[in-house]
Amino acid sequence: MKKDNKKDENSENWIPIGMCLGISIGTSIGAATGDMGMWIPLGISLGLCFGVLVSKKNTDSKK
């Protein structure tokens, strides 16, 4: 029996992908500017927001 309101399984994959991209971007910018302590957490938080927004967009479009 299938549920009608089941979330798409692929939509949850975007959160860790966004975090990985955020870590790599934060590390790159931090190495270039010499301020790793600020850019790594900033990159992680931006990547997390990106992942949540994309996964929410994919879930909403499946309805």
PDB file of N, CA and C in Angstrom:
ATOM      1  N   MET A   1       0.847  -1.176   0.000  1.00  0.00           N
ATOM      2  CA  MET A   1       0.000   0.000   0.000  1.00  0.00           C
ATOM      3  C   MET A   1       0.898   1.247   0.000  1.00  0.00           C
ATOM      4  N   LYS A   2       0.645   2.167  -0.922  1.00  0.00           N
ATOM      5  CA  LYS A   2       1.410   3.402  -1.011  1.00  0.00           C
ATOM      6  C   LYS A   2       0.675   4.532  -0.315  1.00  0.00           C
ATOM      7  N   LYS A   3       1.455   5.384   0.329  1.00  0.00           N
ATOM      8  CA  LYS A   3       0.868   6.583   0.911  1.00  0.00           C
ATOM      9  C   LYS A   3       0.920   7.705  -0.117  1.00  0.00           C
ATOM     10  N   ASP A   4      -0.116   8.526  -0.140  1.00  0.00           N
ATOM     11  CA  ASP A   4      -0.150   9.635  -1.090  1.00  0.00           C
ATOM     12  C   ASP A   4       0.769  10.776  -0.677  1.00  0.00           C
ATOM     13  N   ASN A   5       0.999  10.931   0.622  1.00  0.00           N
ATOM     14  CA  ASN A   5       1.791  12.062   1.098  1.00  0.00           C
ATOM     15  C   ASN A   5       3.227  11.663   1.406  1.00  0.00           C
ATOM     16  N   LYS A   6       3.724  10.584   0.803  1.00  0.00           N
ATOM     17  CA  LYS A   6       5.093  10.132   1.037  1.00  0.00           C
ATOM     18  C   LYS A   6       6.076  11.104   0.393  1.00  0.00           C
ATOM     19  N   LYS A   7       7.105  11.459   1.164  1.00  0.00           N
ATOM     20  CA  LYS A   7       8.118  12.371   0.645  1.00  0.00           C
ATOM     21  C   LYS A   7       8.976  11.676  -0.396  1.00  0.00           C
ATOM     22  N   ASP A   8       9.442  12.431  -1.351  1.00  0.00           N
ATOM     23  CA  ASP A   8      10.356  11.894  -2.345  1.00  0.00           C
ATOM     24  C   ASP A   8      11.678  11.563  -1.659  1.00  0.00           C
ATOM     25  N   GLU A   9      12.184  10.377  -1.886  1.00  0.00           N
ATOM     26  CA  GLU A   9      13.402   9.947  -1.211  1.00  0.00           C
ATOM     27  C   GLU A   9      14.618  10.744  -1.661  1.00  0.00           C
ATOM     28  N   ASN A  10      14.636  11.236  -2.869  1.00  0.00           N
ATOM     29  CA  ASN A  10      15.773  11.991  -3.373  1.00  0.00           C
ATOM     30  C   ASN A  10      15.833  13.406  -2.818  1.00  0.00           C
ATOM     31  N   SER A  11      14.739  13.919  -2.303  1.00  0.00           N
ATOM     32  CA  SER A  11      14.738  15.292  -1.800  1.00  0.00           C
ATOM     33  C   SER A  11      15.587  15.430  -0.540  1.00  0.00           C
ATOM     34  N   GLU A  12      15.757  14.353   0.206  1.00  0.00           N
ATOM     35  CA  GLU A  12      16.567  14.437   1.418  1.00  0.00           C
ATOM     36  C   GLU A  12      18.053  14.368   1.126  1.00  0.00           C
ATOM     37  N   ASN A  13      18.446  14.071  -0.077  1.00  0.00           N
ATOM     38  CA  ASN A  13      19.863  13.991  -0.428  1.00  0.00           C
ATOM     39  C   ASN A  13      20.487  15.363  -0.641  1.00  0.00           C
ATOM     40  N   TRP A  14      19.696  16.384  -0.820  1.00  0.00           N
ATOM     41  CA  TRP A  14      20.241  17.709  -1.119  1.00  0.00           C
ATOM     42  C   TRP A  14      20.860  18.378   0.100  1.00  0.00           C
ATOM     43  N   ILE A  15      20.419  18.047   1.302  1.00  0.00           N
ATOM     44  CA  ILE A  15      20.962  18.696   2.493  1.00  0.00           C
ATOM     45  C   ILE A  15      22.442  18.354   2.683  1.00  0.00           C
ATOM     46  N   PRO A  16      22.848  17.076   2.684  1.00  0.00           N
ATOM     47  CA  PRO A  16      24.285  16.807   2.810  1.00  0.00           C
ATOM     48  C   PRO A  16      25.101  17.272   1.609  1.00  0.00           C
ATOM     49  N   ILE A  17      24.500  17.267   0.418  1.00  0.00           N
ATOM     50  CA  ILE A  17      25.216  17.773  -0.759  1.00  0.00           C
ATOM     51  C   ILE A  17      25.494  19.265  -0.594  1.00  0.00           C
ATOM     52  N   GLY A  18      24.497  20.006  -0.141  1.00  0.00           N
ATOM     53  CA  GLY A  18      24.686  21.441   0.100  1.00  0.00           C
ATOM     54  C   GLY A  18      25.716  21.714   1.170  1.00  0.00           C
ATOM     55  N   MET A  19      25.732  20.891   2.220  1.00  0.00           N
ATOM     56  CA  MET A  19      26.727  21.083   3.281  1.00  0.00           C
ATOM     57  C   MET A  19      28.134  20.796   2.773  1.00  0.00           C
ATOM     58  N   CYS A  20      28.295  19.760   1.955  1.00  0.00           N
ATOM     59  CA  CYS A  20      29.620  19.454   1.394  1.00  0.00           C
ATOM     60  C   CYS A  20      30.104  20.578   0.483  1.00  0.00           C
ATOM     61  N   LEU A  21      29.203  21.097  -0.332  1.00  0.00           N
ATOM     62  CA  LEU A  21      29.576  22.228  -1.184  1.00  0.00           C
ATOM     63  C   LEU A  21      29.937  23.452  -0.343  1.00  0.00           C
ATOM     64  N   GLY A  22      29.182  23.665   0.728  1.00  0.00           N
ATOM     65  CA  GLY A  22      29.463  24.796   1.606  1.00  0.00           C
ATOM     66  C   GLY A  22      30.805  24.679   2.288  1.00  0.00           C
ATOM     67  N   ILE A  23      31.159  23.462   2.717  1.00  0.00           N
ATOM     68  CA  ILE A  23      32.457  23.257   3.358  1.00  0.00           C
ATOM     69  C   ILE A  23      33.581  23.533   2.368  1.00  0.00           C
ATOM     70  N   SER A  24      33.442  23.029   1.141  1.00  0.00           N
ATOM     71  CA  SER A  24      34.516  23.233   0.167  1.00  0.00           C
ATOM     72  C   SER A  24      34.632  24.700  -0.240  1.00  0.00           C
ATOM     73  N   ILE A  25      33.503  25.373  -0.398  1.00  0.00           N
ATOM     74  CA  ILE A  25      33.560  26.794  -0.750  1.00  0.00           C
ATOM     75  C   ILE A  25      34.116  27.614   0.418  1.00  0.00           C
ATOM     76  N   GLY A  26      33.665  27.292   1.635  1.00  0.00           N
ATOM     77  CA  GLY A  26      34.170  27.999   2.810  1.00  0.00           C
ATOM     78  C   GLY A  26      35.655  27.795   3.013  1.00  0.00           C
ATOM     79  N   THR A  27      36.143  26.576   2.768  1.00  0.00           N
ATOM     80  CA  THR A  27      37.570  26.309   2.890  1.00  0.00           C
ATOM     81  C   THR A  27      38.359  27.061   1.832  1.00  0.00           C
ATOM     82  N   SER A  28      37.845  27.102   0.618  1.00  0.00           N
ATOM     83  CA  SER A  28      38.541  27.814  -0.463  1.00  0.00           C
ATOM     84  C   SER A  28      38.636  29.308  -0.180  1.00  0.00           C
ATOM     85  N   ILE A  29      37.526  29.895   0.201  1.00  0.00           N
ATOM     86  CA  ILE A  29      37.538  31.341   0.487  1.00  0.00           C
ATOM     87  C   ILE A  29      38.372  31.621   1.733  1.00  0.00           C
ATOM     88  N   GLY A  30      38.260  30.755   2.742  1.00  0.00           N
ATOM     89  CA  GLY A  30      39.051  30.939   3.953  1.00  0.00           C
ATOM     90  C   GLY A  30      40.542  30.851   3.705  1.00  0.00           C
ATOM     91  N   ALA A  31      40.957  29.933   2.823  1.00  0.00           N
ATOM     92  CA  ALA A  31      42.379  29.821   2.495  1.00  0.00           C
ATOM     93  C   ALA A  31      42.857  31.030   1.704  1.00  0.00           C
ATOM     94  N   ALA A  32      42.005  31.550   0.844  1.00  0.00           N
ATOM     95  CA  ALA A  32      42.385  32.703   0.036  1.00  0.00           C
ATOM     96  C   ALA A  32      42.494  33.975   0.874  1.00  0.00           C
ATOM     97  N   THR A  33      41.594  34.113   1.865  1.00  0.00           N
ATOM     98  CA  THR A  33      41.595  35.330   2.673  1.00  0.00           C
ATOM     99  C   THR A  33      42.403  35.192   3.963  1.00  0.00           C
ATOM    100  N   GLY A  34      42.743  33.959   4.323  1.00  0.00           N
ATOM    101  CA  GLY A  34      43.510  33.744   5.552  1.00  0.00           C
ATOM    102  C   GLY A  34      42.651  33.728   6.803  1.00  0.00           C
ATOM    103  N   ASP A  35      41.348  33.587   6.661  1.00  0.00           N
ATOM    104  CA  ASP A  35      40.439  33.578   7.808  1.00  0.00           C
ATOM    105  C   ASP A  35      39.545  32.340   7.755  1.00  0.00           C
ATOM    106  N   MET A  36      40.148  31.176   8.027  1.00  0.00           N
ATOM    107  CA  MET A  36      39.424  29.913   7.954  1.00  0.00           C
ATOM    108  C   MET A  36      38.342  29.833   9.034  1.00  0.00           C
ATOM    109  N   GLY A  37      38.589  30.430  10.190  1.00  0.00           N
ATOM    110  CA  GLY A  37      37.654  30.346  11.306  1.00  0.00           C
ATOM    111  C   GLY A  37      36.312  30.992  11.027  1.00  0.00           C
ATOM    112  N   MET A  38      36.284  31.946  10.127  1.00  0.00           N
ATOM    113  CA  MET A  38      35.021  32.594   9.793  1.00  0.00           C
ATOM    114  C   MET A  38      34.344  31.935   8.598  1.00  0.00           C
ATOM    115  N   TRP A  39      35.099  31.557   7.577  1.00  0.00           N
ATOM    116  CA  TRP A  39      34.509  31.112   6.326  1.00  0.00           C
ATOM    117  C   TRP A  39      34.021  29.675   6.336  1.00  0.00           C
ATOM    118  N   ILE A  40      34.634  28.795   7.120  1.00  0.00           N
ATOM    119  CA  ILE A  40      34.144  27.410   7.146  1.00  0.00           C
ATOM    120  C   ILE A  40      32.740  27.336   7.761  1.00  0.00           C
ATOM    121  N   PRO A  41      32.485  27.917   8.952  1.00  0.00           N
ATOM    122  CA  PRO A  41      31.107  27.874   9.463  1.00  0.00           C
ATOM    123  C   PRO A  41      30.121  28.641   8.587  1.00  0.00           C
ATOM    124  N   LEU A  42      30.568  29.729   8.001  1.00  0.00           N
ATOM    125  CA  LEU A  42      29.693  30.491   7.107  1.00  0.00           C
ATOM    126  C   LEU A  42      29.346  29.674   5.856  1.00  0.00           C
ATOM    127  N   GLY A  43      30.318  28.979   5.308  1.00  0.00           N
ATOM    128  CA  GLY A  43      30.063  28.121   4.156  1.00  0.00           C
ATOM    129  C   GLY A  43      29.137  26.966   4.496  1.00  0.00           C
ATOM    130  N   ILE A  44      29.316  26.364   5.684  1.00  0.00           N
ATOM    131  CA  ILE A  44      28.443  25.268   6.104  1.00  0.00           C
ATOM    132  C   ILE A  44      27.007  25.758   6.252  1.00  0.00           C
ATOM    133  N   SER A  45      26.822  26.901   6.876  1.00  0.00           N
ATOM    134  CA  SER A  45      25.457  27.399   7.076  1.00  0.00           C
ATOM    135  C   SER A  45      24.800  27.784   5.750  1.00  0.00           C
ATOM    136  N   LEU A  46      25.547  28.384   4.844  1.00  0.00           N
ATOM    137  CA  LEU A  46      24.979  28.712   3.532  1.00  0.00           C
ATOM    138  C   LEU A  46      24.669  27.450   2.732  1.00  0.00           C
ATOM    139  N   GLY A  47      25.542  26.460   2.813  1.00  0.00           N
ATOM    140  CA  GLY A  47      25.282  25.195   2.134  1.00  0.00           C
ATOM    141  C   GLY A  47      24.078  24.471   2.697  1.00  0.00           C
ATOM    142  N   LEU A  48      23.903  24.538   4.008  1.00  0.00           N
ATOM    143  CA  LEU A  48      22.740  23.921   4.637  1.00  0.00           C
ATOM    144  C   LEU A  48      21.455  24.607   4.184  1.00  0.00           C
ATOM    145  N   CYS A  49      21.478  25.929   4.131  1.00  0.00           N
ATOM    146  CA  CYS A  49      20.298  26.662   3.644  1.00  0.00           C
ATOM    147  C   CYS A  49      19.996  26.316   2.199  1.00  0.00           C
ATOM    148  N   PHE A  50      21.021  26.212   1.373  1.00  0.00           N
ATOM    149  CA  PHE A  50      20.840  25.823  -0.019  1.00  0.00           C
ATOM    150  C   PHE A  50      20.217  24.431  -0.117  1.00  0.00           C
ATOM    151  N   GLY A  51      20.729  23.498   0.668  1.00  0.00           N
ATOM    152  CA  GLY A  51      20.200  22.137   0.645  1.00  0.00           C
ATOM    153  C   GLY A  51      18.752  22.060   1.077  1.00  0.00           C
ATOM    154  N   VAL A  52      18.391  22.813   2.095  1.00  0.00           N
ATOM    155  CA  VAL A  52      17.008  22.814   2.573  1.00  0.00           C
ATOM    156  C   VAL A  52      16.082  23.437   1.536  1.00  0.00           C
ATOM    157  N   LEU A  53      16.510  24.532   0.926  1.00  0.00           N
ATOM    158  CA  LEU A  53      15.672  25.186  -0.082  1.00  0.00           C
ATOM    159  C   LEU A  53      15.456  24.304  -1.308  1.00  0.00           C
ATOM    160  N   VAL A  54      16.508  23.652  -1.766  1.00  0.00           N
ATOM    161  CA  VAL A  54      16.370  22.792  -2.947  1.00  0.00           C
ATOM    162  C   VAL A  54      15.514  21.582  -2.629  1.00  0.00           C
ATOM    163  N   SER A  55      15.700  20.981  -1.441  1.00  0.00           N
ATOM    164  CA  SER A  55      14.895  19.806  -1.100  1.00  0.00           C
ATOM    165  C   SER A  55      13.427  20.194  -0.917  1.00  0.00           C
ATOM    166  N   LYS A  56      13.164  21.380  -0.364  1.00  0.00           N
ATOM    167  CA  LYS A  56      11.784  21.831  -0.216  1.00  0.00           C
ATOM    168  C   LYS A  56      11.162  22.109  -1.579  1.00  0.00           C
ATOM    169  N   LYS A  57      11.939  22.686  -2.483  1.00  0.00           N
ATOM    170  CA  LYS A  57      11.442  22.965  -3.832  1.00  0.00           C
ATOM    171  C   LYS A  57      11.112  21.659  -4.547  1.00  0.00           C
ATOM    172  N   ASN A  58      11.969  20.640  -4.410  1.00  0.00           N
ATOM    173  CA  ASN A  58      11.711  19.350  -5.055  1.00  0.00           C
ATOM    174  C   ASN A  58      10.486  18.665  -4.444  1.00  0.00           C
ATOM    175  N   THR A  59      10.293  18.786  -3.140  1.00  0.00           N
ATOM    176  CA  THR A  59       9.151  18.162  -2.482  1.00  0.00           C
ATOM    177  C   THR A  59       7.854  18.855  -2.889  1.00  0.00           C
ATOM    178  N   ASP A  60       7.890  20.192  -2.985  1.00  0.00           N
ATOM    179  CA  ASP A  60       6.687  20.945  -3.367  1.00  0.00           C
ATOM    180  C   ASP A  60       6.293  20.692  -4.820  1.00  0.00           C
ATOM    181  N   SER A  61       7.275  20.482  -5.678  1.00  0.00           N
ATOM    182  CA  SER A  61       6.964  20.283  -7.091  1.00  0.00           C
ATOM    183  C   SER A  61       6.369  18.894  -7.357  1.00  0.00           C
ATOM    184  N   LYS A  62       6.541  17.955  -6.433  1.00  0.00           N
ATOM    185  CA  LYS A  62       6.020  16.604  -6.613  1.00  0.00           C
ATOM    186  C   LYS A  62       4.549  16.505  -6.249  1.00  0.00           C
ATOM    187  N   LYS A  63       3.996  17.524  -5.602  1.00  0.00           N
ATOM    188  CA  LYS A  63       2.591  17.477  -5.163  1.00  0.00           C
ATOM    189  C   LYS A  63       1.633  17.610  -6.310  1.00  0.00           C
TER     190      LYS A  63
END
